[in-house]
Amino acid sequence: MSGADETAVIDTFLDALWLEQGVSEHTLAAYRRDLTAWAAHLAGLGEGLLSPDARSLPAWLDARRAAGYRLRSNARLLSSLRRFYRWALETGRIERDPLAEVRLPRVQPSLPETLEEAEVERLIAAPDVTTDLGLRDRTMLEVLYGTGLRVSELVGLTTDAVNLRQGVVRVRGKGDKDRLVPLGEEAVHWVTRYLRTARGALMHDVMRPALFPGRDDRPLTRQAFWYRIKHHARVAGIERSLSPHTLRHAFATHLLNHGANLRVVQLLLGHSDLSTTQIYTHVAQARLERLHADHHPRG
């Protein structure tokens, strides 16, 4: 198979991921990088993408590690290749998965940075709600912590996505999949107050759909909201490192700390795979161990 033919196979695989599973552009680009690098490596060995020697990959992973690639990078690469060869097997392009016996490198989960409940309360209370911008920010923080939305999902909300009577918000997440997420009483209160007063003052044309407008009645950008979060964190005296997902992480961790079912948290977060949600059990466990060490007489 020529290089052009292998590129065509990769393209077909990526098209299938996009059409059948709604994989994001970012993820598709990562798959393309991994598969292209693997195909180039195989070409240097005189092997083809659909007919590699099963021993080639472990040797390449070892060489990558020696060159400074992290274990997590190799694990992601192997995950990409496994998905490709499963597809190739299912579509009849190969008769046997060449990676079936290759074991995935063990990677310690990277625990997301989160906030304690008292810190979240300080952060949410930081905006000056006597101003229209402050009321908008307070409402956004309440919705973010009350629902666990991704920041991109939050800033993309439209007015018709919110049902205050039922207390839910309709969210379009990754893969263009919709889900309904409860808002909670506090978030409903602040959204109601914001809609009655601040939103109209922030909009030139109130008929435009953006729930949280930035400039020119367009949705506030992720970058602008992230800047606002950092500003309010300084006001609240929160010095630890924050990320755009900090309140999402706090939402999930605090739910689990209070006894929520892991699968319920998975549905609320919009994770397609439960293993993605399980990282928060490690966060909750780490917090319990820290509390034990700090406060138990024999900790």
C-alpha atoms as a PDB file:
ATOM      1  CA  MET A   1       0.000   0.000   0.000  1.00  0.00           C
ATOM      2  CA  SER A   2       1.406   3.374  -1.016  1.00  0.00           C
ATOM      3  CA  GLY A   3       1.708   6.381   1.244  1.00  0.00           C
ATOM      4  CA  ALA A   4      -1.204   8.019  -0.565  1.00  0.00           C
ATOM      5  CA  ASP A   5      -3.340   4.922  -0.006  1.00  0.00           C
ATOM      6  CA  GLU A   6      -2.480   4.895   3.702  1.00  0.00           C
ATOM      7  CA  THR A   7      -3.404   8.591   3.960  1.00  0.00           C
ATOM      8  CA  ALA A   8      -6.746   7.764   2.325  1.00  0.00           C
ATOM      9  CA  VAL A   9      -7.373   5.007   4.890  1.00  0.00           C
ATOM     10  CA  ILE A  10      -6.604   7.418   7.737  1.00  0.00           C
ATOM     11  CA  ASP A  11      -8.972   9.968   6.196  1.00  0.00           C
ATOM     12  CA  THR A  12     -11.739   7.345   5.972  1.00  0.00           C
ATOM     13  CA  PHE A  13     -11.217   6.369   9.604  1.00  0.00           C
ATOM     14  CA  LEU A  14     -11.397  10.000  10.761  1.00  0.00           C
ATOM     15  CA  ASP A  15     -14.517  10.609   8.677  1.00  0.00           C
ATOM     16  CA  ALA A  16     -16.141   7.601  10.354  1.00  0.00           C
ATOM     17  CA  LEU A  17     -15.280   8.948  13.815  1.00  0.00           C
ATOM     18  CA  TRP A  18     -16.750  12.325  12.955  1.00  0.00           C
ATOM     19  CA  LEU A  19     -19.922  11.020  11.306  1.00  0.00           C
ATOM     20  CA  GLU A  20     -20.732   8.172  13.673  1.00  0.00           C
ATOM     21  CA  GLN A  21     -19.472   9.449  17.015  1.00  0.00           C
ATOM     22  CA  GLY A  22     -19.298  13.230  16.672  1.00  0.00           C
ATOM     23  CA  VAL A  23     -15.630  13.366  17.698  1.00  0.00           C
ATOM     24  CA  SER A  24     -14.363  16.933  18.042  1.00  0.00           C
ATOM     25  CA  GLU A  25     -11.993  18.604  15.576  1.00  0.00           C
ATOM     26  CA  HIS A  26      -9.316  18.776  18.280  1.00  0.00           C
ATOM     27  CA  THR A  27      -9.511  15.023  18.893  1.00  0.00           C
ATOM     28  CA  LEU A  28      -9.531  14.248  15.179  1.00  0.00           C
ATOM     29  CA  ALA A  29      -6.373  16.326  14.743  1.00  0.00           C
ATOM     30  CA  ALA A  30      -4.679  14.361  17.544  1.00  0.00           C
ATOM     31  CA  TYR A  31      -5.649  11.057  15.895  1.00  0.00           C
ATOM     32  CA  ARG A  32      -4.257  12.262  12.569  1.00  0.00           C
ATOM     33  CA  ARG A  33      -0.926  13.249  14.170  1.00  0.00           C
ATOM     34  CA  ASP A  34      -0.599   9.889  15.912  1.00  0.00           C
ATOM     35  CA  LEU A  35      -1.509   7.794  12.881  1.00  0.00           C
ATOM     36  CA  THR A  36       0.663   9.813  10.511  1.00  0.00           C
ATOM     37  CA  ALA A  37       3.672   9.492  12.831  1.00  0.00           C
ATOM     38  CA  TRP A  38       3.086   5.743  13.197  1.00  0.00           C
ATOM     39  CA  ALA A  39       2.737   5.274   9.426  1.00  0.00           C
ATOM     40  CA  ALA A  40       5.970   7.209   8.838  1.00  0.00           C
ATOM     41  CA  HIS A  41       7.780   5.084  11.434  1.00  0.00           C
ATOM     42  CA  LEU A  42       6.520   1.877   9.797  1.00  0.00           C
ATOM     43  CA  ALA A  43       7.560   3.100   6.351  1.00  0.00           C
ATOM     44  CA  GLY A  44      11.107   3.515   7.671  1.00  0.00           C
ATOM     45  CA  LEU A  45      11.020  -0.153   8.727  1.00  0.00           C
ATOM     46  CA  GLY A  46       9.637  -1.280   5.384  1.00  0.00           C
ATOM     47  CA  GLU A  47       6.273  -2.117   6.944  1.00  0.00           C
ATOM     48  CA  GLY A  48       2.763  -0.959   6.088  1.00  0.00           C
ATOM     49  CA  LEU A  49       0.119   0.725   8.224  1.00  0.00           C
ATOM     50  CA  LEU A  50      -2.270  -2.222   7.870  1.00  0.00           C
ATOM     51  CA  SER A  51       0.389  -4.917   8.218  1.00  0.00           C
ATOM     52  CA  PRO A  52       2.846  -3.943  10.964  1.00  0.00           C
ATOM     53  CA  ASP A  53       5.010  -6.365  12.877  1.00  0.00           C
ATOM     54  CA  ALA A  54       3.491  -6.649  16.372  1.00  0.00           C
ATOM     55  CA  ARG A  55       6.979  -6.111  17.849  1.00  0.00           C
ATOM     56  CA  SER A  56       7.417  -2.748  16.135  1.00  0.00           C
ATOM     57  CA  LEU A  57       5.188  -0.741  18.439  1.00  0.00           C
ATOM     58  CA  PRO A  58       6.744  -1.686  21.824  1.00  0.00           C
ATOM     59  CA  ALA A  59      10.170  -0.874  20.404  1.00  0.00           C
ATOM     60  CA  TRP A  60       8.920   2.480  19.103  1.00  0.00           C
ATOM     61  CA  LEU A  61       7.273   3.342  22.431  1.00  0.00           C
ATOM     62  CA  ASP A  62      10.560   2.571  24.206  1.00  0.00           C
ATOM     63  CA  ALA A  63      12.454   4.761  21.739  1.00  0.00           C
ATOM     64  CA  ARG A  64       9.980   7.599  22.276  1.00  0.00           C
ATOM     65  CA  ARG A  65      10.416   7.386  26.035  1.00  0.00           C
ATOM     66  CA  ALA A  66      14.191   7.456  25.634  1.00  0.00           C
ATOM     67  CA  ALA A  67      13.770  10.567  23.472  1.00  0.00           C
ATOM     68  CA  GLY A  68      11.899  12.309  26.271  1.00  0.00           C
ATOM     69  CA  TYR A  69       8.252  11.594  25.489  1.00  0.00           C
ATOM     70  CA  ARG A  70       6.226  11.232  28.670  1.00  0.00           C
ATOM     71  CA  LEU A  71       4.435   8.027  29.603  1.00  0.00           C
ATOM     72  CA  ARG A  72       1.076   9.782  29.276  1.00  0.00           C
ATOM     73  CA  SER A  73       1.913  10.755  25.679  1.00  0.00           C
ATOM     74  CA  ASN A  74       2.697   7.150  24.800  1.00  0.00           C
ATOM     75  CA  ALA A  75      -0.526   5.993  26.458  1.00  0.00           C
ATOM     76  CA  ARG A  76      -2.541   8.429  24.363  1.00  0.00           C
ATOM     77  CA  LEU A  77      -0.720   7.327  21.214  1.00  0.00           C
ATOM     78  CA  LEU A  78      -1.421   3.671  21.900  1.00  0.00           C
ATOM     79  CA  SER A  79      -5.072   4.461  22.591  1.00  0.00           C
ATOM     80  CA  SER A  80      -5.320   6.171  19.176  1.00  0.00           C
ATOM     81  CA  LEU A  81      -3.718   3.229  17.379  1.00  0.00           C
ATOM     82  CA  ARG A  82      -5.900   0.694  19.130  1.00  0.00           C
ATOM     83  CA  ARG A  83      -9.019   2.545  18.107  1.00  0.00           C
ATOM     84  CA  PHE A  84      -7.800   2.672  14.510  1.00  0.00           C
ATOM     85  CA  TYR A  85      -7.027  -1.044  14.345  1.00  0.00           C
ATOM     86  CA  ARG A  86     -10.359  -1.966  15.956  1.00  0.00           C
ATOM     87  CA  TRP A  87     -12.054   0.025  13.191  1.00  0.00           C
ATOM     88  CA  ALA A  88      -9.854  -1.586  10.530  1.00  0.00           C
ATOM     89  CA  LEU A  89     -10.797  -5.040  11.875  1.00  0.00           C
ATOM     90  CA  GLU A  90     -14.513  -4.226  12.005  1.00  0.00           C
ATOM     91  CA  THR A  91     -14.489  -2.882   8.442  1.00  0.00           C
ATOM     92  CA  GLY A  92     -12.617  -5.891   7.021  1.00  0.00           C
ATOM     93  CA  ARG A  93      -9.391  -4.063   6.198  1.00  0.00           C
ATOM     94  CA  ILE A  94      -7.372  -6.435   8.375  1.00  0.00           C
ATOM     95  CA  GLU A  95      -8.016  -9.983   9.594  1.00  0.00           C
ATOM     96  CA  ARG A  96      -6.252  -9.669  12.941  1.00  0.00           C
ATOM     97  CA  ASP A  97      -5.574  -6.767  15.290  1.00  0.00           C
ATOM     98  CA  PRO A  98      -1.770  -6.395  15.361  1.00  0.00           C
ATOM     99  CA  LEU A  99      -1.905  -4.611  18.719  1.00  0.00           C
ATOM    100  CA  ALA A 100      -4.148  -7.091  20.513  1.00  0.00           C
ATOM    101  CA  GLU A 101      -1.320  -8.282  22.757  1.00  0.00           C
ATOM    102  CA  VAL A 102       0.285  -4.872  23.352  1.00  0.00           C
ATOM    103  CA  ARG A 103      -0.398  -3.644  26.871  1.00  0.00           C
ATOM    104  CA  LEU A 104      -1.318  -0.046  27.605  1.00  0.00           C
ATOM    105  CA  PRO A 105       1.302   1.768  29.739  1.00  0.00           C
ATOM    106  CA  ARG A 106       0.023   2.376  33.258  1.00  0.00           C
ATOM    107  CA  VAL A 107      -0.468   6.057  33.918  1.00  0.00           C
ATOM    108  CA  GLN A 108      -1.231   7.607  37.268  1.00  0.00           C
ATOM    109  CA  PRO A 109      -4.330   9.790  37.006  1.00  0.00           C
ATOM    110  CA  SER A 110      -3.626  13.507  36.957  1.00  0.00           C
ATOM    111  CA  LEU A 111      -5.871  14.972  39.610  1.00  0.00           C
ATOM    112  CA  PRO A 112      -7.627  18.162  38.494  1.00  0.00           C
ATOM    113  CA  GLU A 113      -7.119  21.304  40.550  1.00  0.00           C
ATOM    114  CA  THR A 114     -10.264  22.133  42.470  1.00  0.00           C
ATOM    115  CA  LEU A 115     -11.508  24.389  45.270  1.00  0.00           C
ATOM    116  CA  GLU A 116     -12.817  23.730  48.731  1.00  0.00           C
ATOM    117  CA  GLU A 117     -16.482  24.576  49.261  1.00  0.00           C
ATOM    118  CA  ALA A 118     -15.649  27.669  51.327  1.00  0.00           C
ATOM    119  CA  GLU A 119     -13.383  28.936  48.543  1.00  0.00           C
ATOM    120  CA  VAL A 120     -16.142  28.454  45.974  1.00  0.00           C
ATOM    121  CA  GLU A 121     -18.507  30.475  48.158  1.00  0.00           C
ATOM    122  CA  ARG A 122     -15.968  33.304  48.350  1.00  0.00           C
ATOM    123  CA  LEU A 123     -15.372  33.260  44.610  1.00  0.00           C
ATOM    124  CA  ILE A 124     -19.073  33.319  43.758  1.00  0.00           C
ATOM    125  CA  ALA A 125     -19.707  36.163  46.207  1.00  0.00           C
ATOM    126  CA  ALA A 126     -16.845  38.299  44.827  1.00  0.00           C
ATOM    127  CA  PRO A 127     -18.633  40.110  41.925  1.00  0.00           C
ATOM    128  CA  ASP A 128     -20.277  43.440  42.755  1.00  0.00           C
ATOM    129  CA  VAL A 129     -23.920  42.651  42.009  1.00  0.00           C
ATOM    130  CA  THR A 130     -24.914  46.321  42.244  1.00  0.00           C
ATOM    131  CA  THR A 131     -23.486  46.667  38.714  1.00  0.00           C
ATOM    132  CA  ASP A 132     -24.828  45.031  35.557  1.00  0.00           C
ATOM    133  CA  LEU A 133     -21.488  43.377  34.757  1.00  0.00           C
ATOM    134  CA  GLY A 134     -21.122  42.176  38.319  1.00  0.00           C
ATOM    135  CA  LEU A 135     -24.616  40.671  38.282  1.00  0.00           C
ATOM    136  CA  ARG A 136     -23.849  38.959  34.978  1.00  0.00           C
ATOM    137  CA  ASP A 137     -20.630  37.497  36.393  1.00  0.00           C
ATOM    138  CA  ARG A 138     -22.313  36.361  39.620  1.00  0.00           C
ATOM    139  CA  THR A 139     -25.006  34.629  37.574  1.00  0.00           C
ATOM    140  CA  MET A 140     -22.451  32.933  35.352  1.00  0.00           C
ATOM    141  CA  LEU A 141     -20.499  31.670  38.354  1.00  0.00           C
ATOM    142  CA  GLU A 142     -23.687  30.390  39.985  1.00  0.00           C
ATOM    143  CA  VAL A 143     -24.693  28.554  36.806  1.00  0.00           C
ATOM    144  CA  LEU A 144     -21.181  27.186  36.278  1.00  0.00           C
ATOM    145  CA  TYR A 145     -20.909  25.777  39.795  1.00  0.00           C
ATOM    146  CA  GLY A 146     -24.561  24.728  39.936  1.00  0.00           C
ATOM    147  CA  THR A 147     -24.440  22.714  36.717  1.00  0.00           C
ATOM    148  CA  GLY A 148     -20.823  21.702  36.097  1.00  0.00           C
ATOM    149  CA  LEU A 149     -20.930  22.981  32.526  1.00  0.00           C
ATOM    150  CA  ARG A 150     -17.813  23.388  30.458  1.00  0.00           C
ATOM    151  CA  VAL A 151     -16.929  27.065  30.044  1.00  0.00           C
ATOM    152  CA  SER A 152     -17.554  26.768  26.300  1.00  0.00           C
ATOM    153  CA  GLU A 153     -21.032  25.408  27.050  1.00  0.00           C
ATOM    154  CA  LEU A 154     -21.738  28.219  29.504  1.00  0.00           C
ATOM    155  CA  VAL A 155     -20.795  31.093  27.205  1.00  0.00           C
ATOM    156  CA  GLY A 156     -22.680  29.417  24.347  1.00  0.00           C
ATOM    157  CA  LEU A 157     -26.007  29.353  26.216  1.00  0.00           C
ATOM    158  CA  THR A 158     -28.973  31.093  24.606  1.00  0.00           C
ATOM    159  CA  THR A 159     -32.054  32.452  26.316  1.00  0.00           C
ATOM    160  CA  ASP A 160     -34.266  29.687  24.935  1.00  0.00           C
ATOM    161  CA  ALA A 161     -31.971  27.026  26.452  1.00  0.00           C
ATOM    162  CA  VAL A 162     -33.038  27.988  29.980  1.00  0.00           C
ATOM    163  CA  ASN A 163     -36.345  26.810  31.451  1.00  0.00           C
ATOM    164  CA  LEU A 164     -36.715  28.594  34.775  1.00  0.00           C
ATOM    165  CA  ARG A 165     -40.090  27.063  35.518  1.00  0.00           C
ATOM    166  CA  GLN A 166     -38.671  23.550  35.355  1.00  0.00           C
ATOM    167  CA  GLY A 167     -35.289  24.669  36.684  1.00  0.00           C
ATOM    168  CA  VAL A 168     -33.230  23.090  33.906  1.00  0.00           C
ATOM    169  CA  VAL A 169     -30.879  24.195  31.153  1.00  0.00           C
ATOM    170  CA  ARG A 170     -30.484  22.489  27.782  1.00  0.00           C
ATOM    171  CA  VAL A 171     -26.832  22.146  26.889  1.00  0.00           C
ATOM    172  CA  ARG A 172     -25.213  21.224  23.594  1.00  0.00           C
ATOM    173  CA  GLY A 173     -21.966  19.507  24.506  1.00  0.00           C
ATOM    174  CA  LYS A 174     -19.216  17.638  22.710  1.00  0.00           C
ATOM    175  CA  GLY A 175     -20.279  15.832  19.568  1.00  0.00           C
ATOM    176  CA  ASP A 176     -23.318  18.135  19.309  1.00  0.00           C
ATOM    177  CA  LYS A 177     -25.101  16.009  21.901  1.00  0.00           C
ATOM    178  CA  ASP A 178     -27.825  17.707  23.936  1.00  0.00           C
ATOM    179  CA  ARG A 179     -28.435  17.074  27.621  1.00  0.00           C
ATOM    180  CA  LEU A 180     -30.725  18.589  30.263  1.00  0.00           C
ATOM    181  CA  VAL A 181     -28.994  19.702  33.456  1.00  0.00           C
ATOM    182  CA  PRO A 182     -30.758  20.864  36.651  1.00  0.00           C
ATOM    183  CA  LEU A 183     -29.926  24.445  37.598  1.00  0.00           C
ATOM    184  CA  GLY A 184     -30.645  24.327  41.323  1.00  0.00           C
ATOM    185  CA  GLU A 185     -32.506  26.942  43.362  1.00  0.00           C
ATOM    186  CA  GLU A 186     -29.601  29.384  43.721  1.00  0.00           C
ATOM    187  CA  ALA A 187     -28.813  29.430  40.022  1.00  0.00           C
ATOM    188  CA  VAL A 188     -32.520  29.824  39.144  1.00  0.00           C
ATOM    189  CA  HIS A 189     -32.732  32.790  41.536  1.00  0.00           C
ATOM    190  CA  TRP A 190     -29.727  34.550  40.008  1.00  0.00           C
ATOM    191  CA  VAL A 191     -30.676  33.845  36.392  1.00  0.00           C
ATOM    192  CA  THR A 192     -34.158  35.246  37.089  1.00  0.00           C
ATOM    193  CA  ARG A 193     -32.732  38.373  38.689  1.00  0.00           C
ATOM    194  CA  TYR A 194     -30.191  38.815  35.902  1.00  0.00           C
ATOM    195  CA  LEU A 195     -32.799  38.471  33.139  1.00  0.00           C
ATOM    196  CA  ARG A 196     -35.098  40.974  34.814  1.00  0.00           C
ATOM    197  CA  THR A 197     -32.473  43.670  35.205  1.00  0.00           C
ATOM    198  CA  ALA A 198     -28.908  43.333  33.919  1.00  0.00           C
ATOM    199  CA  ARG A 199     -29.211  41.526  30.593  1.00  0.00           C
ATOM    200  CA  GLY A 200     -31.402  44.189  28.997  1.00  0.00           C
ATOM    201  CA  ALA A 201     -28.973  46.880  30.118  1.00  0.00           C
ATOM    202  CA  LEU A 202     -26.026  44.988  28.603  1.00  0.00           C
ATOM    203  CA  MET A 203     -27.707  44.400  25.234  1.00  0.00           C
ATOM    204  CA  HIS A 204     -28.313  46.757  22.347  1.00  0.00           C
ATOM    205  CA  ASP A 205     -30.809  44.312  20.874  1.00  0.00           C
ATOM    206  CA  VAL A 206     -32.513  42.162  23.504  1.00  0.00           C
ATOM    207  CA  MET A 207     -33.866  39.892  20.764  1.00  0.00           C
ATOM    208  CA  ARG A 208     -30.364  38.535  20.128  1.00  0.00           C
ATOM    209  CA  PRO A 209     -30.074  34.997  21.581  1.00  0.00           C
ATOM    210  CA  ALA A 210     -26.917  35.192  23.731  1.00  0.00           C
ATOM    211  CA  LEU A 211     -27.782  34.629  27.379  1.00  0.00           C
ATOM    212  CA  PHE A 212     -24.521  36.156  28.572  1.00  0.00           C
ATOM    213  CA  PRO A 213     -23.463  38.864  26.098  1.00  0.00           C
ATOM    214  CA  GLY A 214     -20.049  40.368  25.690  1.00  0.00           C
ATOM    215  CA  ARG A 215     -19.379  42.977  23.032  1.00  0.00           C
ATOM    216  CA  ASP A 216     -21.819  43.783  20.227  1.00  0.00           C
ATOM    217  CA  ASP A 217     -24.511  41.526  21.709  1.00  0.00           C
ATOM    218  CA  ARG A 218     -22.442  38.450  20.854  1.00  0.00           C
ATOM    219  CA  PRO A 219     -21.788  35.726  23.443  1.00  0.00           C
ATOM    220  CA  LEU A 220     -19.041  36.499  25.935  1.00  0.00           C
ATOM    221  CA  THR A 221     -15.888  34.697  24.813  1.00  0.00           C
ATOM    222  CA  ARG A 222     -14.255  31.956  26.864  1.00  0.00           C
ATOM    223  CA  GLN A 223     -11.115  34.054  27.159  1.00  0.00           C
ATOM    224  CA  ALA A 224     -13.021  37.101  28.437  1.00  0.00           C
ATOM    225  CA  PHE A 225     -14.885  35.048  31.025  1.00  0.00           C
ATOM    226  CA  TRP A 226     -11.655  33.365  32.138  1.00  0.00           C
ATOM    227  CA  TYR A 227     -10.172  36.835  32.669  1.00  0.00           C
ATOM    228  CA  ARG A 228     -13.223  37.720  34.797  1.00  0.00           C
ATOM    229  CA  ILE A 229     -12.826  34.545  36.885  1.00  0.00           C
ATOM    230  CA  LYS A 230      -9.190  35.358  37.644  1.00  0.00           C
ATOM    231  CA  HIS A 231     -10.166  38.906  38.609  1.00  0.00           C
ATOM    232  CA  HIS A 232     -12.849  37.693  41.013  1.00  0.00           C
ATOM    233  CA  ALA A 233     -10.465  35.082  42.457  1.00  0.00           C
ATOM    234  CA  ARG A 234      -8.037  37.878  43.364  1.00  0.00           C
ATOM    235  CA  VAL A 235     -10.876  39.836  44.980  1.00  0.00           C
ATOM    236  CA  ALA A 236     -11.839  36.718  46.957  1.00  0.00           C
ATOM    237  CA  GLY A 237      -8.250  36.202  48.127  1.00  0.00           C
ATOM    238  CA  ILE A 238      -7.881  32.850  46.371  1.00  0.00           C
ATOM    239  CA  GLU A 239      -4.203  32.389  45.586  1.00  0.00           C
ATOM    240  CA  ARG A 240      -4.096  28.819  44.328  1.00  0.00           C
ATOM    241  CA  SER A 241      -3.809  28.084  40.609  1.00  0.00           C
ATOM    242  CA  LEU A 242      -7.114  28.080  38.770  1.00  0.00           C
ATOM    243  CA  SER A 243      -8.127  26.770  35.360  1.00  0.00           C
ATOM    244  CA  PRO A 244     -11.203  27.439  33.228  1.00  0.00           C
ATOM    245  CA  HIS A 245     -12.525  24.071  34.431  1.00  0.00           C
ATOM    246  CA  THR A 246     -11.943  24.718  38.145  1.00  0.00           C
ATOM    247  CA  LEU A 247     -15.621  25.181  39.009  1.00  0.00           C
ATOM    248  CA  ARG A 248     -16.562  22.179  36.857  1.00  0.00           C
ATOM    249  CA  HIS A 249     -14.084  20.106  38.834  1.00  0.00           C
ATOM    250  CA  ALA A 250     -15.444  21.544  42.086  1.00  0.00           C
ATOM    251  CA  PHE A 251     -19.014  20.718  41.039  1.00  0.00           C
ATOM    252  CA  ALA A 252     -18.164  17.058  40.420  1.00  0.00           C
ATOM    253  CA  THR A 253     -15.921  16.637  43.454  1.00  0.00           C
ATOM    254  CA  HIS A 254     -18.360  18.246  45.878  1.00  0.00           C
ATOM    255  CA  LEU A 255     -21.242  16.129  44.558  1.00  0.00           C
ATOM    256  CA  LEU A 256     -19.230  12.967  45.197  1.00  0.00           C
ATOM    257  CA  ASN A 257     -18.142  14.231  48.622  1.00  0.00           C
ATOM    258  CA  HIS A 258     -21.821  14.547  49.505  1.00  0.00           C
ATOM    259  CA  GLY A 259     -22.676  11.040  48.334  1.00  0.00           C
ATOM    260  CA  ALA A 260     -23.773  11.476  44.716  1.00  0.00           C
ATOM    261  CA  ASN A 261     -23.769   8.416  42.453  1.00  0.00           C
ATOM    262  CA  LEU A 262     -20.883   8.350  39.989  1.00  0.00           C
ATOM    263  CA  ARG A 263     -23.153   7.605  37.016  1.00  0.00           C
ATOM    264  CA  VAL A 264     -25.365  10.566  37.897  1.00  0.00           C
ATOM    265  CA  VAL A 265     -22.286  12.802  37.910  1.00  0.00           C
ATOM    266  CA  GLN A 266     -21.291  11.298  34.550  1.00  0.00           C
ATOM    267  CA  LEU A 267     -24.667  12.263  33.046  1.00  0.00           C
ATOM    268  CA  LEU A 268     -24.546  15.769  34.496  1.00  0.00           C
ATOM    269  CA  LEU A 269     -21.049  16.387  33.150  1.00  0.00           C
ATOM    270  CA  GLY A 270     -21.898  14.963  29.736  1.00  0.00           C
ATOM    271  CA  HIS A 271     -19.083  12.394  29.776  1.00  0.00           C
ATOM    272  CA  SER A 272     -19.556   9.634  27.204  1.00  0.00           C
ATOM    273  CA  ASP A 273     -17.268   7.270  29.131  1.00  0.00           C
ATOM    274  CA  LEU A 274     -17.561   6.558  32.863  1.00  0.00           C
ATOM    275  CA  SER A 275     -13.783   6.221  33.118  1.00  0.00           C
ATOM    276  CA  THR A 276     -13.501   9.965  32.420  1.00  0.00           C
ATOM    277  CA  THR A 277     -15.709  10.699  35.425  1.00  0.00           C
ATOM    278  CA  GLN A 278     -13.843   8.296  37.713  1.00  0.00           C
ATOM    279  CA  ILE A 279     -10.966  10.770  38.052  1.00  0.00           C
ATOM    280  CA  TYR A 280     -13.165  12.628  40.541  1.00  0.00           C
ATOM    281  CA  THR A 281     -13.314   9.622  42.845  1.00  0.00           C
ATOM    282  CA  HIS A 282      -9.531   9.963  43.137  1.00  0.00           C
ATOM    283  CA  VAL A 283      -9.957  13.653  43.986  1.00  0.00           C
ATOM    284  CA  ALA A 284     -12.524  12.839  46.665  1.00  0.00           C
ATOM    285  CA  GLN A 285     -10.315  10.061  48.075  1.00  0.00           C
ATOM    286  CA  ALA A 286      -7.288  12.357  48.136  1.00  0.00           C
ATOM    287  CA  ARG A 287      -9.303  14.930  50.081  1.00  0.00           C
ATOM    288  CA  LEU A 288     -10.414  12.319  52.640  1.00  0.00           C
ATOM    289  CA  GLU A 289      -6.830  11.155  53.123  1.00  0.00           C
ATOM    290  CA  ARG A 290      -5.683  14.758  53.586  1.00  0.00           C
ATOM    291  CA  LEU A 291      -8.413  15.436  56.142  1.00  0.00           C
ATOM    292  CA  HIS A 292      -7.491  12.256  58.013  1.00  0.00           C
ATOM    293  CA  ALA A 293      -3.814  13.202  58.067  1.00  0.00           C
ATOM    294  CA  ASP A 294      -4.574  16.735  59.251  1.00  0.00           C
ATOM    295  CA  HIS A 295      -7.141  16.010  61.915  1.00  0.00           C
ATOM    296  CA  HIS A 296      -6.930  12.414  63.165  1.00  0.00           C
ATOM    297  CA  PRO A 297      -4.777  12.026  66.325  1.00  0.00           C
ATOM    298  CA  ARG A 298      -2.956   9.117  64.681  1.00  0.00           C
ATOM    299  CA  GLY A 299      -2.964  10.600  61.167  1.00  0.00           C
END
